[in-house]
Amino acid sequence: MSPDLAIMLTAGFTATACGLLGPFLVLRRVSLMGDAVSHAVLPGIVLVWILMETRATLPVIFGAALFGVVCVLAVEALRGTRLVKADAAIALVFPALFALGVLGINQFAGNIHLDLDSTIYGEIAFVPFRTVGYGIPQALVAIGAIAAVNLALLIAFWKELKATTFDPEFARTIGIPPKLISRLLLVAVAVTAVTAFESVGAILVITLLIVPAATAYLVTDRLWLMVAVTLATGWISAIAGYQGAVAIDASIAGAMGVVATACFLVALLASPRYGLIARAVQRSRRRRRVERALEAEGVPEALRAG
């Protein structure tokens, strides 16, 4: 497999794994969960070093995933008290875990280079150099497996995810536990994010979790179509971003993020229903209808202008 294809496929499958979950994060208004997980995993990395004195990939991912799950469960527990909202719960939990990780580094790992940049924030340009056989990148296998698991999760719990996202109270009355489904979703987000961090980098993962889903949110009101548009936007960002990065010799993750943001801006401006242009046209039409109605009633122009 060529390095170019390896990088684009890895980014595309990362976009798929993130895009299957991203729409639910946007609709549930917990979009910052990916960013929270990226900081909350630091204690897990420190714990792996304390117990095993290693920064090998698999132990680090396991330790990071453990504290990613702790993060999402703690956020859900705080939300469940109904004393704080989702954004406040996220802002309370991840700084506490991140601070715990910083203290752990200062206390137990002060003499080594152990931080997020060296252990979990990956670089997608290095993907082709680590293979598992036949030139297939290790990162592609890992994120492909996660994408398959997320797809199976979406198929198996589509009705439950849809009901608890749009009307948790109704879901509860028909026997669907909103808290359990929410925790299942957030645990899937944590595992997806941590698995992808080491290979493609945290910034790209957070971008692919949120920006394509936010783009799709502006384009359609149908959930299944929102997921489809999210996946399409993610793949466009992966392929066009890589081609652009190669053309101008720039950061690959950065270029993919720029393409994703450009897709969002296009939707923000040109969405047929919610875009700024469409809304401006709708306001203009309403204004003209009001003016015609007032004119038909014989209201003087001076009063209409006022």
Protein backbone atom coordinates (compact mmCIF):
# COMPACT_ATOMS: atom_id res chain seq x y z
CA MET A 1 0.00 0.00 0.00
CA SER A 2 1.37 3.38 -0.98
CA PRO A 3 2.02 5.95 1.77
CA ASP A 4 -0.47 8.36 0.19
CA LEU A 5 -3.24 5.79 0.16
CA ALA A 6 -2.39 4.65 3.70
CA ILE A 7 -2.71 8.18 5.07
CA MET A 8 -5.95 8.96 3.23
CA LEU A 9 -7.57 5.65 4.21
CA THR A 10 -6.56 6.08 7.84
CA ALA A 11 -7.95 9.61 7.91
CA GLY A 12 -11.10 8.48 6.10
CA PHE A 13 -11.79 5.63 8.51
CA THR A 14 -11.08 7.97 11.41
CA ALA A 15 -13.68 10.30 9.92
CA THR A 16 -16.06 7.34 9.68
CA ALA A 17 -15.51 6.22 13.28
CA CYS A 18 -15.96 9.79 14.53
CA GLY A 19 -18.76 10.65 12.09
CA LEU A 20 -20.98 7.80 13.27
CA LEU A 21 -20.99 9.31 16.77
CA GLY A 22 -20.53 13.04 16.09
CA PRO A 23 -24.15 13.84 15.14
CA PHE A 24 -25.39 12.54 18.48
CA LEU A 25 -22.84 14.67 20.35
CA VAL A 26 -23.97 17.76 18.46
CA LEU A 27 -27.67 17.04 18.95
CA ARG A 28 -27.17 16.27 22.66
CA ARG A 29 -25.09 19.45 23.08
CA VAL A 30 -22.03 17.66 24.46
CA SER A 31 -19.74 18.48 21.54
CA LEU A 32 -16.77 19.25 23.78
CA MET A 33 -16.63 15.70 25.11
CA GLY A 34 -13.88 14.78 22.64
CA ASP A 35 -11.76 17.69 23.81
CA ALA A 36 -12.46 16.76 27.43
CA VAL A 37 -11.32 13.18 26.85
CA SER A 38 -8.10 14.37 25.20
CA HIS A 39 -7.11 16.09 28.45
CA ALA A 40 -8.64 13.65 30.93
CA VAL A 41 -6.55 10.69 29.70
CA LEU A 42 -3.29 12.06 31.13
CA PRO A 43 -3.67 10.29 34.53
CA GLY A 44 -4.09 6.99 32.68
CA ILE A 45 -0.80 7.51 30.85
CA VAL A 46 0.95 8.37 34.11
CA LEU A 47 -0.58 5.30 35.80
CA VAL A 48 0.77 3.04 33.03
CA TRP A 49 4.24 4.50 33.56
CA ILE A 50 4.04 4.05 37.34
CA LEU A 51 2.91 0.43 37.09
CA MET A 52 4.84 -0.75 34.03
CA GLU A 53 7.47 1.94 33.31
CA THR A 54 6.64 1.84 29.61
CA ARG A 55 5.28 4.10 26.92
CA ALA A 56 4.44 1.27 24.52
CA THR A 57 1.39 1.90 22.38
CA LEU A 58 -1.02 -0.74 23.65
CA PRO A 59 -0.54 -0.16 27.41
CA VAL A 60 -0.76 3.61 26.90
CA ILE A 61 -3.99 3.30 24.89
CA PHE A 62 -5.45 1.01 27.55
CA GLY A 63 -4.57 3.38 30.40
CA ALA A 64 -5.79 6.40 28.46
CA ALA A 65 -9.04 4.67 27.52
CA LEU A 66 -9.63 3.74 31.15
CA PHE A 67 -9.52 7.36 32.26
CA GLY A 68 -11.45 8.45 29.18
CA VAL A 69 -14.26 6.20 30.36
CA VAL A 70 -13.87 7.58 33.90
CA CYS A 71 -14.23 11.07 32.45
CA VAL A 72 -17.46 10.38 30.59
CA LEU A 73 -18.99 8.47 33.50
CA ALA A 74 -18.14 11.31 35.87
CA VAL A 75 -19.68 13.84 33.50
CA GLU A 76 -22.82 11.73 33.24
CA ALA A 77 -22.99 11.37 37.02
CA LEU A 78 -22.79 15.15 37.46
CA ARG A 79 -25.44 15.70 34.79
CA GLY A 80 -27.63 13.13 36.51
CA THR A 81 -27.78 15.27 39.65
CA ARG A 82 -29.53 17.98 37.57
CA LEU A 83 -27.58 20.55 39.55
CA VAL A 84 -25.23 21.38 36.65
CA LYS A 85 -25.72 21.39 32.90
CA ALA A 86 -23.73 19.30 30.43
CA ASP A 87 -21.20 22.01 29.53
CA ALA A 88 -20.56 22.80 33.18
CA ALA A 89 -20.15 19.11 34.02
CA ILE A 90 -17.55 18.72 31.26
CA ALA A 91 -15.73 21.85 32.42
CA LEU A 92 -15.63 20.51 35.98
CA VAL A 93 -14.43 16.98 35.27
CA PHE A 94 -11.69 17.24 32.66
CA PRO A 95 -9.64 20.00 34.38
CA ALA A 96 -9.69 17.93 37.58
CA LEU A 97 -8.42 14.81 35.80
CA PHE A 98 -5.89 16.78 33.78
CA ALA A 99 -4.60 18.42 36.98
CA LEU A 100 -4.31 14.97 38.56
CA GLY A 101 -2.20 13.86 35.61
CA VAL A 102 0.05 16.92 35.89
CA LEU A 103 0.60 16.20 39.58
CA GLY A 104 1.40 12.58 38.72
CA ILE A 105 4.03 13.66 36.19
CA ASN A 106 5.63 16.06 38.66
CA GLN A 107 5.67 13.47 41.40
CA PHE A 108 6.52 10.23 39.59
CA ALA A 109 7.75 11.08 36.10
CA GLY A 110 9.69 14.28 36.48
CA ASN A 111 12.90 12.91 34.99
CA ILE A 112 11.42 11.64 31.71
CA HIS A 113 9.72 13.26 28.79
CA LEU A 114 6.20 12.09 29.59
CA ASP A 115 3.39 14.32 28.41
CA LEU A 116 0.51 14.29 25.99
CA ASP A 117 2.66 15.37 23.04
CA SER A 118 5.07 12.47 23.45
CA THR A 119 2.61 9.72 24.31
CA ILE A 120 -0.83 10.19 22.86
CA TYR A 121 -0.86 13.10 20.38
CA GLY A 122 0.10 11.34 17.18
CA GLU A 123 1.04 12.51 13.72
CA ILE A 124 -0.82 11.07 10.75
CA ALA A 125 2.24 11.46 8.49
CA PHE A 126 3.90 8.60 10.43
CA VAL A 127 1.06 6.14 9.76
CA PRO A 128 2.77 4.35 6.80
CA PHE A 129 5.85 3.52 8.89
CA ARG A 130 4.11 1.14 11.29
CA THR A 131 2.55 -1.83 9.54
CA VAL A 132 1.13 -5.19 10.56
CA GLY A 133 1.84 -7.12 7.37
CA TYR A 134 1.41 -6.70 3.62
CA GLY A 135 2.13 -3.01 4.09
CA ILE A 136 -1.18 -2.41 5.93
CA PRO A 137 -0.77 0.34 8.54
CA GLN A 138 -1.36 -0.62 12.16
CA ALA A 139 -3.38 2.56 12.66
CA LEU A 140 -5.68 1.68 9.75
CA VAL A 141 -6.44 -1.73 11.25
CA ALA A 142 -7.14 -0.23 14.69
CA ILE A 143 -9.37 2.61 13.54
CA GLY A 144 -11.08 0.37 10.98
CA ALA A 145 -12.03 -2.02 13.78
CA ILE A 146 -13.35 0.87 15.87
CA ALA A 147 -15.38 2.16 12.90
CA ALA A 148 -16.90 -1.31 12.46
CA VAL A 149 -17.79 -1.49 16.16
CA ASN A 150 -19.36 1.99 16.05
CA LEU A 151 -21.39 1.04 12.97
CA ALA A 152 -22.62 -2.11 14.73
CA LEU A 153 -23.49 0.00 17.79
CA LEU A 154 -25.43 2.44 15.64
CA ILE A 155 -27.37 -0.31 13.88
CA ALA A 156 -28.13 -2.20 17.09
CA PHE A 157 -29.24 0.84 19.10
CA TRP A 158 -30.55 3.18 16.40
CA LYS A 159 -34.05 3.40 17.86
CA GLU A 160 -32.74 3.90 21.39
CA LEU A 161 -30.19 6.53 20.36
CA LYS A 162 -32.78 8.42 18.34
CA ALA A 163 -35.40 8.36 21.09
CA THR A 164 -33.05 9.39 23.90
CA THR A 165 -31.47 12.13 21.78
CA PHE A 166 -34.70 13.90 20.82
CA ASP A 167 -37.05 13.08 23.72
CA PRO A 168 -35.47 11.43 26.78
CA GLU A 169 -38.71 11.61 28.78
CA PHE A 170 -40.67 9.78 26.08
CA ALA A 171 -37.87 7.22 25.82
CA ARG A 172 -38.12 6.60 29.56
CA THR A 173 -41.88 6.05 29.37
CA ILE A 174 -41.48 3.34 26.71
CA GLY A 175 -38.81 1.52 28.67
CA ILE A 176 -35.61 2.88 27.13
CA PRO A 177 -33.10 4.00 29.82
CA PRO A 178 -31.72 7.39 28.66
CA LYS A 179 -28.80 7.39 31.12
CA LEU A 180 -27.60 3.96 30.07
CA ILE A 181 -27.77 4.82 26.36
CA SER A 182 -26.03 8.14 26.96
CA ARG A 183 -23.22 6.44 28.88
CA LEU A 184 -22.86 3.82 26.17
CA LEU A 185 -22.52 6.56 23.54
CA LEU A 186 -19.97 8.52 25.55
CA VAL A 187 -17.90 5.44 26.33
CA ALA A 188 -17.83 4.72 22.58
CA VAL A 189 -16.65 8.31 22.02
CA ALA A 190 -13.89 7.90 24.60
CA VAL A 191 -12.63 4.61 23.12
CA THR A 192 -12.79 6.02 19.57
CA ALA A 193 -10.95 9.20 20.51
CA VAL A 194 -8.20 7.47 22.46
CA THR A 195 -7.64 4.85 19.75
CA ALA A 196 -7.29 7.56 17.10
CA PHE A 197 -5.21 10.01 19.16
CA GLU A 198 -2.01 7.98 19.00
CA SER A 199 -2.17 7.61 15.23
CA VAL A 200 -3.67 10.75 13.75
CA GLY A 201 -3.41 13.35 16.49
CA ALA A 202 -5.87 14.80 18.98
CA ILE A 203 -6.70 17.96 17.03
CA LEU A 204 -7.75 15.99 13.95
CA VAL A 205 -9.88 13.62 16.04
CA ILE A 206 -11.69 16.48 17.76
CA THR A 207 -12.18 18.17 14.39
CA LEU A 208 -13.66 15.04 12.81
CA LEU A 209 -15.92 14.41 15.79
CA ILE A 210 -17.57 17.81 15.66
CA VAL A 211 -17.08 19.84 12.47
CA PRO A 212 -18.60 17.41 9.91
CA ALA A 213 -21.55 16.77 12.26
CA ALA A 214 -22.09 20.51 12.75
CA THR A 215 -22.00 20.90 8.96
CA ALA A 216 -24.62 18.19 8.51
CA TYR A 217 -26.77 19.78 11.22
CA LEU A 218 -27.12 22.86 9.02
CA VAL A 219 -27.99 20.83 5.93
CA THR A 220 -30.75 18.44 6.99
CA ASP A 221 -33.36 17.70 9.66
CA ARG A 222 -33.33 13.93 9.15
CA LEU A 223 -31.07 11.98 11.47
CA TRP A 224 -30.05 9.24 9.02
CA LEU A 225 -29.27 11.85 6.38
CA MET A 226 -27.35 13.88 8.94
CA VAL A 227 -25.15 10.84 9.63
CA ALA A 228 -24.65 10.30 5.88
CA VAL A 229 -23.70 13.95 5.27
CA THR A 230 -21.34 13.81 8.26
CA LEU A 231 -19.54 10.78 6.81
CA ALA A 232 -19.33 12.36 3.35
CA THR A 233 -17.93 15.59 4.79
CA GLY A 234 -15.36 13.64 6.79
CA TRP A 235 -14.11 11.76 3.75
CA ILE A 236 -14.00 14.96 1.68
CA SER A 237 -11.94 16.57 4.44
CA ALA A 238 -9.59 13.57 4.57
CA ILE A 239 -8.96 13.29 0.83
CA ALA A 240 -9.02 16.96 -0.16
CA GLY A 241 -7.08 17.94 2.96
CA TYR A 242 -4.29 15.48 2.20
CA GLN A 243 -4.08 16.53 -1.45
CA GLY A 244 -3.95 20.17 -0.41
CA ALA A 245 -1.29 19.51 2.22
CA VAL A 246 0.90 17.72 -0.33
CA ALA A 247 0.41 20.50 -2.88
CA ILE A 248 1.52 23.28 -0.52
CA ASP A 249 3.82 21.20 1.72
CA ALA A 250 1.80 21.89 4.87
CA SER A 251 0.59 20.03 7.94
CA ILE A 252 -1.68 17.16 6.90
CA ALA A 253 -3.93 17.30 9.97
CA GLY A 254 -4.08 21.07 9.71
CA ALA A 255 -5.08 20.94 6.04
CA MET A 256 -7.80 18.38 6.77
CA GLY A 257 -9.11 20.61 9.54
CA VAL A 258 -9.16 23.60 7.22
CA VAL A 259 -11.12 21.68 4.57
CA ALA A 260 -13.62 20.51 7.21
CA THR A 261 -14.05 24.09 8.41
CA ALA A 262 -14.47 25.28 4.82
CA CYS A 263 -17.28 22.74 4.36
CA PHE A 264 -18.94 24.10 7.48
CA LEU A 265 -18.66 27.69 6.23
CA VAL A 266 -20.21 26.70 2.89
CA ALA A 267 -23.13 25.10 4.76
CA LEU A 268 -23.41 28.12 7.05
CA LEU A 269 -23.72 30.42 4.05
CA ALA A 270 -25.53 28.29 1.47
CA SER A 271 -27.68 25.78 3.37
CA PRO A 272 -31.09 25.88 1.64
CA ARG A 273 -32.99 26.15 4.93
CA TYR A 274 -30.68 27.37 7.69
CA GLY A 275 -27.91 29.14 5.74
CA LEU A 276 -27.30 32.84 6.19
CA ILE A 277 -28.19 33.56 2.57
CA ALA A 278 -31.44 31.59 2.77
CA ARG A 279 -32.41 33.32 6.03
CA ALA A 280 -31.68 36.74 4.54
CA VAL A 281 -33.89 35.89 1.55
CA GLN A 282 -36.66 34.68 3.87
CA ARG A 283 -36.50 37.89 5.92
CA SER A 284 -36.67 39.96 2.76
CA ARG A 285 -39.71 38.04 1.52
CA ARG A 286 -41.49 38.40 4.89
CA ARG A 287 -40.78 42.13 4.85
CA ARG A 288 -42.22 42.48 1.35
CA ARG A 289 -45.34 40.50 2.34
CA VAL A 290 -45.90 42.73 5.36
CA GLU A 291 -45.44 45.85 3.25
CA ARG A 292 -47.94 44.59 0.64
CA ALA A 293 -50.44 43.73 3.38
CA LEU A 294 -50.10 47.18 4.95
CA GLU A 295 -50.42 48.82 1.54
CA ALA A 296 -53.59 46.84 0.85
CA GLU A 297 -55.00 48.05 4.18
CA GLY A 298 -54.32 51.63 3.17
CA VAL A 299 -51.68 52.34 5.80
CA PRO A 300 -49.73 55.48 4.83
CA GLU A 301 -46.15 54.95 3.69
CA ALA A 302 -44.81 57.15 6.50
CA LEU A 303 -46.41 54.88 9.08
CA ARG A 304 -45.21 51.72 7.27
CA ALA A 305 -41.64 52.99 7.36
CA GLY A 306 -41.93 53.67 11.08
